[in-house]
Each structure stands twice: as structure tokens, then as C-alpha cells.
């Protein structure tokens, strides 16, 4: 698809309406999503997860976008209004917020398909030729123009974006597809415990990324039929996709890196371990995800802040950050950071040592603290002399959550601080 004329693809994207499903709770993130939906979770030093599919839309030339919200959506809606509310409807562009509003039933969104069905009148008003349904809680950079172009050329009624994933990662986590030599989907399993491996690579399977392209009228027909089906869970993976595959005309689009040589970057940060690991990947000298790419910027909202500051230069008191990412408004005062990531307005005081840690916005670490392999939630104040991540037993005794891989989560509630931010 790299040789497609840009004019051809721009016409296709202009005729596409994107719907981002951003109502997920993210229950496997535990206390980290107690007060926010998963798509509103911070990532990468200054972004939120929702910024990635939104930026992909804008960079791909898709300027009509709806964001479906439901679970604890206040911080998500606030971010969307501040960072994504500047589009001009009169110029044919908009990012609209679509909260659950019982438009076609007395229920809130019952599943991913129902979330689209209950906004069917809003989609119809936009008169799109194609509807792009996107998951709002994954980290990746993708040109949707190539996906839509393949969909149009193949004659498919639905196209599913997918990529090869190791079997152990896909088991019980992702929808898995089987395809023929033309990438027509001939089988689909929703989160199987024993995924069907690829014919040419028995260690991997073809996993759904949760991104779909539909011909608009075909989508409406399927949603209406599903809404009238007794016993349906109103879900794309469990109900819609299996029924469509039986009828044919469903194809897979394999997501690849820009150069076609390196493995494409896509992360589902749905667990504490995967969230910590994906952030840690960014501190590498050459990270797998390039956030410095001027050709494909990730847009976001961030308040205007002063530059990061590192102070004191004494033998045992020197503000340093080694192999780390430090955002605006941070002050590293006589402390040492190694392989860590600090979001905006973090303060780390003298004689503290931070290693392999993710510090969300407005965290304050007082003097003589030692923190290792941890996620510190927004607004936490770590008392002087606190040690985190050095003893599993001590961390559990203090009420912190510790994962099987040893990542420690600390929230304001665990520290006895007020919540509601």
C-alpha cells in the first residue's frame, strides 16, 4: 500500500468517520483506574492513552471523530475538551464526545457493538462511506489511510487490523484470526486459551488490534440485526465478527512498521506490568516507540510549565537523571534518577534514589527515599525515608499492591491521602 497515490487515500480518509471506544474501565490496572477510565491514564511523560488513536486519526487525514465515553469519564472528557476541542465543524472537522445517553434503549452501553449502535443516528448525520471503529486504550502509531485503502480495494465489507503476537501473550487476551492466502478471514476465536498459530510461525498467532473498518450501511445492518438478537452480548468480538465471517467478505489488514523490517510497535497496557514495561521502554537510548518523530507527532493537552530543573552539585548531593525521561515543571533537587520516567510537576528531594520507576504528575518524593520498580500515582507525597520496591513483604504490609513480576503500585489512598483529583 506504500505506492498508493496520496490523493486517492486522502479522498478515502475524508469519507471516513472514526469512532473511538473509550469507555473501558481497565480492571486489570486495579487502583490505577479507580478514578479514571483506562484511555485517560497517563503515558510517556506527558500524554494520555487516548492521545494515540486521536493523533493517528489526525495524522492520517481523518478529521471527523467521535469519542465514546462511559466509565468514570470526567478526567477523560476534561482532557478532550482542553486538548481536542479546537476543531472547526464548519470546516468539516470535529472531535465530538459521545457519552452514554440511552439514545436507543433504557440501558447504558452494554458492549462495544452496542456503544456504536446507540450512536448510529450521529454517525448517519455525517454521511460517511466508511466507519472506522477504534479501541481507545492501546499505544501505537498507525496510518489508517493504508488500512482504509486495502479495505476499499479488496471489496471487503469489513476489515480487521491485526498483527502477529506471541502465543503466550495472546492466550486469553486477544481475538485471534485464521486467514487464507489472500488474507480473507476464515476463522475467529475470541480470547482463546490456546490460540491457533500462524502456518509459517508456530510461535505466533494473528491477533486483532481492536480496530475495524466497515462499509457504513453494512455496519448499520449488522448492528440492527444484533440489537434484535436475543442472548447477544452486544460485542464485536463475541457476536458481530463471528456472524459476519460466516457470510464472507471480511479481510485482515496486517499492521507493519514503516520500513517493513522492524517489528511494528503496538502495546496493550492493560495490566500494571505491561503499563510499567511500556513506559520503561521509553527510557532506552533508542526506544521502540519514537515520540520525537516530527512526521507523526502525538498531540496532547499540557499546561504551560517551566523547564525541568536539576540542582545542587555536592559530593553526596547532586541532582542527576541517567537514562531517564523528565517532563516540564519537574525539579530534581539533590536526588538521583536511573532508568525512570517523571511526568509533569514531579519533585524529588535531596538524597533520594529512584530506579526503574514511573512517577505520574504532581508526585513529591521527600528526602532520603529509595524507590525501585514502582508506579507512583498522581499527587502522591512519599514521606521522608520511605523505602519502596526493595522488600515485597514490607510493601504488602504497608498496603501497596505488588504484581507477580514485582512492580509496586502506590496510590494516594494507600498513603492515607485525600482523593478526588
Protein backbone atom coordinates (compact mmCIF):
# COMPACT_ATOMS: atom_id res chain seq x y z
CA UNK A 1 0.00 0.00 0.00
CA UNK A 2 3.03 2.30 0.22
CA UNK A 3 2.69 3.12 -3.52
CA UNK A 4 -0.91 4.31 -3.26
CA UNK A 5 -1.34 7.88 -4.54
CA UNK A 6 -1.74 10.21 -1.61
CA UNK A 7 -4.72 11.89 -3.32
CA UNK A 8 -6.56 8.57 -3.51
CA UNK A 9 -6.01 7.86 0.17
CA UNK A 10 -6.92 11.40 1.21
CA UNK A 11 -10.29 11.00 -0.54
CA UNK A 12 -10.89 7.77 1.34
CA UNK A 13 -10.00 9.21 4.73
CA UNK A 14 -12.19 12.24 4.06
CA UNK A 15 -15.11 9.87 3.53
CA UNK A 16 -14.42 8.09 6.82
CA UNK A 17 -15.91 8.69 10.25
CA UNK A 18 -13.79 7.38 13.14
CA UNK A 19 -15.41 6.20 16.36
CA UNK A 20 -13.03 5.66 19.29
CA UNK A 21 -14.35 3.37 22.02
CA UNK A 22 -13.00 4.96 25.20
CA UNK A 23 -15.39 3.79 27.90
CA UNK A 24 -13.29 0.94 29.26
CA UNK A 25 -12.58 0.57 32.96
CA UNK A 26 -9.29 -1.30 32.70
CA UNK A 27 -9.97 -3.51 35.73
CA UNK A 28 -6.60 -5.30 35.45
CA UNK A 29 -4.95 -1.97 36.31
CA UNK A 30 -6.62 -2.16 39.73
CA UNK A 31 -6.37 1.05 41.78
CA UNK A 32 -4.73 2.93 38.92
CA UNK A 33 -8.17 3.18 37.26
CA UNK A 34 -10.24 3.68 40.40
CA UNK A 35 -10.75 7.34 39.50
CA UNK A 36 -10.27 7.39 35.73
CA UNK A 37 -11.11 5.39 32.61
CA UNK A 38 -8.22 3.47 31.09
CA UNK A 39 -7.98 5.75 28.00
CA UNK A 40 -7.47 8.72 30.36
CA UNK A 41 -4.47 7.09 32.01
CA UNK A 42 -1.16 8.93 31.71
CA UNK A 43 1.57 7.57 29.44
CA UNK A 44 5.01 8.55 28.20
CA UNK A 45 5.78 11.52 30.41
CA UNK A 46 3.17 13.99 29.10
CA UNK A 47 0.46 12.12 27.18
CA UNK A 48 -2.73 10.20 27.88
CA UNK A 49 -3.50 6.87 26.19
CA UNK A 50 -6.40 8.40 24.24
CA UNK A 51 -3.95 10.79 22.54
CA UNK A 52 -2.51 7.96 20.45
CA UNK A 53 -5.60 6.87 18.46
CA UNK A 54 -6.68 10.52 18.21
CA UNK A 55 -3.28 11.58 16.85
CA UNK A 56 -3.33 8.63 14.44
CA UNK A 57 -6.68 9.87 13.11
CA UNK A 58 -5.50 13.46 12.64
CA UNK A 59 -2.16 12.45 11.11
CA UNK A 60 -3.98 10.02 8.77
CA UNK A 61 -6.26 12.79 7.49
CA UNK A 62 -9.39 11.64 9.34
CA UNK A 63 -10.90 14.78 10.80
CA UNK A 64 -14.37 13.60 11.84
CA UNK A 65 -14.01 11.68 15.09
CA UNK A 66 -16.39 10.64 17.84
CA UNK A 67 -15.13 9.51 21.25
CA UNK A 68 -17.48 7.15 23.11
CA UNK A 69 -17.17 7.53 26.89
CA UNK A 70 -18.80 5.80 29.85
CA UNK A 71 -16.82 4.64 32.92
CA UNK A 72 -15.64 7.48 35.25
CA UNK A 73 -15.15 9.76 32.29
CA UNK A 74 -14.69 13.16 33.96
CA UNK A 75 -10.90 13.38 33.59
CA UNK A 76 -11.12 11.96 30.06
CA UNK A 77 -13.77 14.48 28.98
CA UNK A 78 -11.83 17.33 30.61
CA UNK A 79 -8.71 16.32 28.68
CA UNK A 80 -10.64 16.06 25.39
CA UNK A 81 -12.23 19.47 25.84
CA UNK A 82 -8.93 21.15 26.69
CA UNK A 83 -6.72 19.41 24.16
CA UNK A 84 -9.01 18.38 21.32
CA UNK A 85 -11.84 20.91 21.31
CA UNK A 86 -10.35 23.35 18.80
CA UNK A 87 -11.58 21.74 15.57
CA UNK A 88 -13.96 23.71 13.35
CA UNK A 89 -17.17 21.91 12.41
CA UNK A 90 -17.82 24.42 9.64
CA UNK A 91 -14.56 23.27 8.02
CA UNK A 92 -15.68 19.64 8.07
CA UNK A 93 -13.71 18.58 11.13
CA UNK A 94 -14.64 17.74 14.72
CA UNK A 95 -13.76 15.64 17.73
CA UNK A 96 -17.07 15.04 19.48
CA UNK A 97 -17.63 13.45 22.88
CA UNK A 98 -20.37 10.79 22.89
CA UNK A 99 -21.25 9.82 26.47
CA UNK A 100 -23.70 7.01 27.17
CA UNK A 101 -27.11 8.69 26.89
CA UNK A 102 -29.63 5.86 26.36
CA UNK A 103 -30.49 7.04 22.86
CA UNK A 104 -31.99 3.74 21.68
CA UNK A 105 -32.71 1.89 24.93
CA UNK A 106 -33.04 2.34 28.67
CA UNK A 107 -29.60 0.80 29.20
CA UNK A 108 -26.09 2.21 29.26
CA UNK A 109 -23.62 0.82 26.73
CA UNK A 110 -23.83 -2.96 27.07
CA UNK A 111 -20.87 -3.84 24.86
CA UNK A 112 -18.63 -2.50 22.11
CA UNK A 113 -21.22 -3.10 19.39
CA UNK A 114 -23.97 -1.53 21.46
CA UNK A 115 -21.80 1.56 22.01
CA UNK A 116 -21.72 2.06 18.24
CA UNK A 117 -25.38 1.15 17.76
CA UNK A 118 -26.57 3.71 20.30
CA UNK A 119 -24.79 6.43 18.28
CA UNK A 120 -26.00 5.26 14.88
CA UNK A 121 -28.00 8.43 14.23
CA UNK A 122 -24.97 10.64 14.93
CA UNK A 123 -22.84 8.59 12.53
CA UNK A 124 -25.54 8.73 9.84
CA UNK A 125 -25.67 12.53 10.06
CA UNK A 126 -22.00 12.66 9.00
CA UNK A 127 -22.80 10.74 5.76
CA UNK A 128 -19.56 8.70 5.76
CA UNK A 129 -18.81 6.00 3.22
CA UNK A 130 -16.72 4.11 5.79
CA UNK A 131 -16.78 3.84 9.56
CA UNK A 132 -13.51 3.21 11.40
CA UNK A 133 -14.07 1.71 14.86
CA UNK A 134 -11.02 2.06 17.10
CA UNK A 135 -10.03 0.86 20.53
CA UNK A 136 -9.18 3.83 22.74
CA UNK A 137 -6.72 2.13 25.06
CA UNK A 138 -3.70 0.97 23.04
CA UNK A 139 -0.31 2.61 22.41
CA UNK A 140 0.86 2.68 18.78
CA UNK A 141 1.40 4.89 15.72
CA UNK A 142 -0.50 3.86 12.61
CA UNK A 143 -1.52 5.40 9.29
CA UNK A 144 -5.17 4.42 8.97
CA UNK A 145 -5.13 5.54 5.33
CA UNK A 146 -3.38 2.33 4.28
CA UNK A 147 -5.92 0.25 6.21
CA UNK A 148 -8.86 2.00 4.57
CA UNK A 149 -7.25 1.77 1.11
CA UNK A 150 -6.85 -2.00 1.40
CA UNK A 151 -10.44 -2.25 2.60
CA UNK A 152 -11.71 -0.34 -0.44
CA UNK A 153 -9.59 -2.30 -2.94
CA UNK A 154 -10.35 -5.75 -1.56
CA UNK A 155 -14.10 -5.36 -1.85
CA UNK A 156 -14.45 -6.26 1.82
CA UNK A 157 -17.47 -5.24 3.83
CA UNK A 158 -15.36 -5.32 6.99
CA UNK A 159 -11.59 -5.27 7.54
CA UNK A 160 -9.89 -6.09 10.84
CA UNK A 161 -6.48 -4.65 11.69
CA UNK A 162 -4.20 -7.29 13.12
CA UNK A 163 -0.59 -8.19 13.84
CA UNK A 164 1.46 -11.27 14.77
CA UNK A 165 1.68 -11.74 18.55
CA UNK A 166 3.49 -14.46 20.57
CA UNK A 167 1.09 -17.23 21.59
CA UNK A 168 1.72 -16.78 25.31
CA UNK A 169 0.84 -13.07 25.09
CA UNK A 170 -2.33 -13.63 23.08
CA UNK A 171 -3.71 -16.51 25.17
CA UNK A 172 -6.87 -15.33 26.92
CA UNK A 173 -6.15 -11.69 25.96
CA UNK A 174 -6.80 -11.06 22.26
CA UNK A 175 -9.12 -12.15 19.49
CA UNK A 176 -7.23 -14.48 17.13
CA UNK A 177 -7.84 -14.89 13.39
CA UNK A 178 -7.16 -17.52 10.76
CA UNK A 179 -6.79 -16.31 7.16
CA UNK A 180 -6.35 -17.77 3.66
CA UNK A 181 -3.62 -16.82 1.19
CA UNK A 182 -5.49 -13.62 0.27
CA UNK A 183 -5.88 -12.57 3.92
CA UNK A 184 -9.58 -13.33 3.85
CA UNK A 185 -10.61 -14.28 7.38
CA UNK A 186 -11.85 -17.86 7.61
CA UNK A 187 -11.85 -18.26 11.38
CA UNK A 188 -12.02 -16.11 14.52
CA UNK A 189 -11.58 -17.02 18.19
CA UNK A 190 -12.38 -14.51 20.93
CA UNK A 191 -9.58 -14.61 23.53
CA UNK A 192 -8.81 -18.34 23.27
CA UNK A 193 -6.65 -20.03 25.88
CA UNK A 194 -4.88 -21.96 23.10
CA UNK A 195 -4.63 -19.65 20.08
CA UNK A 196 -4.27 -21.08 16.58
CA UNK A 197 -0.66 -20.45 15.46
CA UNK A 198 0.38 -18.94 12.14
CA UNK A 199 1.15 -21.54 9.46
CA UNK A 200 4.60 -20.04 8.84
CA UNK A 201 5.42 -19.33 12.50
CA UNK A 202 4.15 -21.77 15.17
CA UNK A 203 5.28 -19.41 17.96
CA UNK A 204 2.87 -16.61 16.97
CA UNK A 205 -0.76 -16.05 16.08
CA UNK A 206 -2.63 -13.33 14.21
CA UNK A 207 -4.22 -11.13 16.88
CA UNK A 208 -6.89 -8.48 16.45
CA UNK A 209 -5.86 -4.95 17.40
CA UNK A 210 -9.48 -4.00 18.08
CA UNK A 211 -9.56 -1.69 15.04
CA UNK A 212 -12.19 -2.28 12.34
CA UNK A 213 -13.26 -0.66 9.06
CA UNK A 214 -16.84 -1.13 7.83
CA UNK A 215 -18.84 -0.08 4.85
CA UNK A 216 -21.31 2.20 6.62
CA UNK A 217 -24.62 0.67 5.53
CA UNK A 218 -23.28 -2.84 6.11
CA UNK A 219 -22.30 -1.86 9.66
CA UNK A 220 -25.75 -0.46 10.34
CA UNK A 221 -27.39 -3.66 9.07
CA UNK A 222 -25.24 -5.81 11.36
CA UNK A 223 -25.81 -3.60 14.41
CA UNK A 224 -29.58 -3.61 13.93
CA UNK A 225 -29.65 -7.38 13.50
CA UNK A 226 -27.54 -7.86 16.61
CA UNK A 227 -29.76 -5.49 18.64
CA UNK A 228 -32.72 -7.73 17.78
CA UNK A 229 -30.88 -10.97 18.63
CA UNK A 230 -31.83 -12.46 21.97
CA UNK A 231 -28.90 -13.53 24.12
CA UNK A 232 -26.30 -11.42 22.33
CA UNK A 233 -23.69 -9.70 24.49
CA UNK A 234 -23.67 -6.77 22.01
CA UNK A 235 -19.93 -7.18 21.46
CA UNK A 236 -17.91 -7.08 18.24
CA UNK A 237 -15.55 -9.88 19.22
CA UNK A 238 -18.10 -12.22 20.76
CA UNK A 239 -21.10 -11.63 18.49
CA UNK A 240 -20.68 -9.39 15.43
CA UNK A 241 -17.41 -10.67 13.95
CA UNK A 242 -18.20 -14.43 14.19
CA UNK A 243 -21.56 -13.91 12.48
CA UNK A 244 -20.08 -11.80 9.66
CA UNK A 245 -17.25 -14.24 8.96
CA UNK A 246 -19.79 -16.95 8.17
CA UNK A 247 -21.13 -14.73 5.38
CA UNK A 248 -17.67 -13.91 3.97
CA UNK A 249 -16.26 -10.55 2.81
CA UNK A 250 -14.19 -10.00 5.96
CA UNK A 251 -10.46 -9.43 5.48
CA UNK A 252 -7.44 -8.90 7.70
CA UNK A 253 -5.03 -5.99 7.39
CA UNK A 254 -1.62 -6.80 8.81
CA UNK A 255 -0.11 -3.86 10.67
CA UNK A 256 3.58 -3.44 9.86
CA UNK A 257 6.30 -0.93 10.66
CA UNK A 258 7.00 1.91 8.25
CA UNK A 259 10.10 0.23 6.84
CA UNK A 260 8.56 -3.25 6.84
CA UNK A 261 11.66 -4.64 8.51
CA UNK A 262 11.38 -3.91 12.22
CA UNK A 263 8.55 -5.34 14.28
CA UNK A 264 5.61 -2.95 14.40
CA UNK A 265 5.09 -1.25 17.76
CA UNK A 266 1.73 -1.87 19.45
CA UNK A 267 1.16 -2.23 23.17
CA UNK A 268 -1.92 -3.12 25.15
CA UNK A 269 -1.08 -1.53 28.50
CA UNK A 270 -3.96 -3.26 30.23
CA UNK A 271 -2.06 -4.60 33.24
CA UNK A 272 0.21 -2.96 35.79
CA UNK A 273 3.17 -4.94 34.48
CA UNK A 274 2.54 -4.03 30.83
CA UNK A 275 1.90 -0.37 31.72
CA UNK A 276 5.17 -0.19 33.68
CA UNK A 277 7.10 -2.05 30.96
CA UNK A 278 5.82 0.14 28.11
CA UNK A 279 6.82 3.30 29.98
CA UNK A 280 10.21 1.81 30.84
CA UNK A 281 10.86 1.12 27.15
CA UNK A 282 10.84 4.86 26.55
CA UNK A 283 13.96 5.49 28.64
CA UNK A 284 16.12 3.35 26.33
CA UNK A 285 18.67 5.29 24.24
CA UNK A 286 16.77 4.22 21.10
CA UNK A 287 13.21 3.40 22.23
CA UNK A 288 10.97 1.14 20.15
CA UNK A 289 8.34 3.91 20.13
CA UNK A 290 9.68 7.15 18.68
CA UNK A 291 7.92 10.07 20.37
CA UNK A 292 10.32 12.52 18.71
CA UNK A 293 9.05 11.84 15.18
CA UNK A 294 8.16 15.22 13.64
CA UNK A 295 6.44 13.48 10.72
CA UNK A 296 3.97 11.72 13.02
CA UNK A 297 3.57 13.85 16.16
CA UNK A 298 1.50 12.74 19.13
CA UNK A 299 -0.75 15.65 20.08
CA UNK A 300 -1.97 16.30 23.60
CA UNK A 301 -3.03 18.94 26.07
CA UNK A 302 -0.49 20.09 28.63
CA UNK A 303 -0.47 23.20 30.76
CA UNK A 304 2.35 25.66 30.21
CA UNK A 305 5.14 24.75 32.62
CA UNK A 306 8.72 25.88 33.27
CA UNK A 307 11.59 23.65 32.10
CA UNK A 308 12.78 20.73 34.19
CA UNK A 309 15.42 21.72 36.72
CA UNK A 310 18.34 19.82 38.32
CA UNK A 311 20.00 21.46 41.32
CA UNK A 312 22.88 21.02 43.79
CA UNK A 313 26.33 19.76 42.98
CA UNK A 314 27.98 18.40 46.08
CA UNK A 315 29.81 15.14 46.69
CA UNK A 316 26.79 13.33 48.11
CA UNK A 317 24.04 15.67 46.94
CA UNK A 318 23.74 16.09 43.20
CA UNK A 319 20.59 16.36 41.08
CA UNK A 320 21.02 13.85 38.25
CA UNK A 321 18.88 11.78 35.87
CA UNK A 322 20.55 8.91 34.00
CA UNK A 323 18.75 7.11 31.14
CA UNK A 324 15.56 8.82 32.26
CA UNK A 325 12.73 10.95 30.88
CA UNK A 326 11.92 14.12 32.84
CA UNK A 327 9.00 16.35 31.87
CA UNK A 328 8.30 20.06 32.29
CA UNK A 329 7.84 21.51 35.75
CA UNK A 330 9.98 18.82 37.43
CA UNK A 331 12.66 19.65 39.99
CA UNK A 332 15.28 17.02 40.81
CA UNK A 333 16.89 18.52 43.91
CA UNK A 334 19.98 16.69 45.05
CA UNK A 335 18.45 13.32 44.11
CA UNK A 336 19.42 10.60 41.64
CA UNK A 337 17.15 9.07 38.97
CA UNK A 338 18.12 5.97 37.00
CA UNK A 339 16.01 4.45 34.23
CA UNK A 340 12.95 6.33 35.41
CA UNK A 341 10.18 8.42 33.92
CA UNK A 342 8.83 11.58 35.57
CA UNK A 343 5.60 13.20 34.42
CA UNK A 344 4.89 16.90 34.84
CA UNK A 345 5.48 18.75 38.13
CA UNK A 346 7.30 15.94 39.92
CA UNK A 347 9.54 16.96 42.83
CA UNK A 348 12.28 14.67 44.12
CA UNK A 349 14.17 15.95 47.15
CA UNK A 350 17.74 15.51 48.35
CA UNK A 351 19.42 12.16 48.99
CA UNK A 352 16.57 10.18 47.41
CA UNK A 353 17.29 7.43 44.86
CA UNK A 354 14.76 6.48 42.20
CA UNK A 355 15.33 3.46 39.94
CA UNK A 356 13.12 1.87 37.26
CA UNK A 357 10.13 3.90 38.41
CA UNK A 358 7.19 5.69 36.79
CA UNK A 359 6.17 8.86 38.66
CA UNK A 360 2.85 10.30 37.47
CA UNK A 361 2.09 14.06 37.59
CA UNK A 362 2.40 16.09 40.80
CA UNK A 363 4.23 13.38 42.76
CA UNK A 364 6.51 14.61 45.53
CA UNK A 365 9.25 12.40 46.95
CA UNK A 366 10.67 13.76 50.18
CA UNK A 367 14.25 13.33 51.40
CA UNK A 368 16.13 10.04 51.85
CA UNK A 369 13.63 7.86 49.99
CA UNK A 370 14.55 4.79 47.97
CA UNK A 371 12.11 3.73 45.27
CA UNK A 372 12.63 0.90 42.81
CA UNK A 373 10.44 -0.76 40.14
CA UNK A 374 7.33 1.17 41.10
CA UNK A 375 4.39 3.13 39.73
CA UNK A 376 3.59 6.16 41.89
CA UNK A 377 0.13 7.53 41.12
CA UNK A 378 -0.68 11.18 40.56
CA UNK A 379 -0.49 13.50 43.55
CA UNK A 380 1.23 11.08 45.92
CA UNK A 381 3.52 12.54 48.57
CA UNK A 382 6.11 9.96 49.61
CA UNK A 383 7.16 10.64 53.23
CA UNK A 384 10.80 11.16 54.15
CA UNK A 385 12.81 7.96 54.49
CA UNK A 386 10.27 5.71 52.72
CA UNK A 387 11.60 2.59 51.01
CA UNK A 388 9.53 1.11 48.17
CA UNK A 389 10.31 -1.85 45.93
CA UNK A 390 13.16 -3.30 47.99
CA UNK A 391 11.12 -5.76 50.09
CA UNK A 392 7.95 -7.41 48.82
CA UNK A 393 6.84 -8.26 52.35
CA UNK A 394 7.27 -4.69 53.60
CA UNK A 395 5.42 -3.26 50.59
CA UNK A 396 2.47 -5.59 51.09
CA UNK A 397 2.41 -4.87 54.83
CA UNK A 398 2.01 -1.16 54.09
CA UNK A 399 -0.96 -1.82 51.81
CA UNK A 400 0.81 -1.31 48.48
CA UNK A 401 -0.09 -3.55 45.54
CA UNK A 402 2.74 -5.76 44.26
CA UNK A 403 2.39 -7.67 40.98
CA UNK A 404 3.74 -11.15 40.26
CA UNK A 405 6.64 -9.53 38.40
CA UNK A 406 7.47 -7.30 41.35
CA UNK A 407 6.06 -3.95 40.18
CA UNK A 408 4.78 -1.91 43.14
CA UNK A 409 1.76 0.37 42.77
CA UNK A 410 1.35 3.23 45.25
CA UNK A 411 -1.74 5.46 45.27
CA UNK A 412 -2.93 8.34 47.42
CA UNK A 413 -5.43 6.11 49.23
CA UNK A 414 -2.67 3.69 50.18
CA UNK A 415 -0.77 6.59 51.72
CA UNK A 416 -3.83 7.81 53.60
CA UNK A 417 -4.13 10.95 51.47
CA UNK A 418 -7.35 12.56 50.24
CA UNK A 419 -8.63 11.51 46.82
CA UNK A 420 -10.89 13.14 44.27
CA UNK A 421 -8.36 14.77 41.98
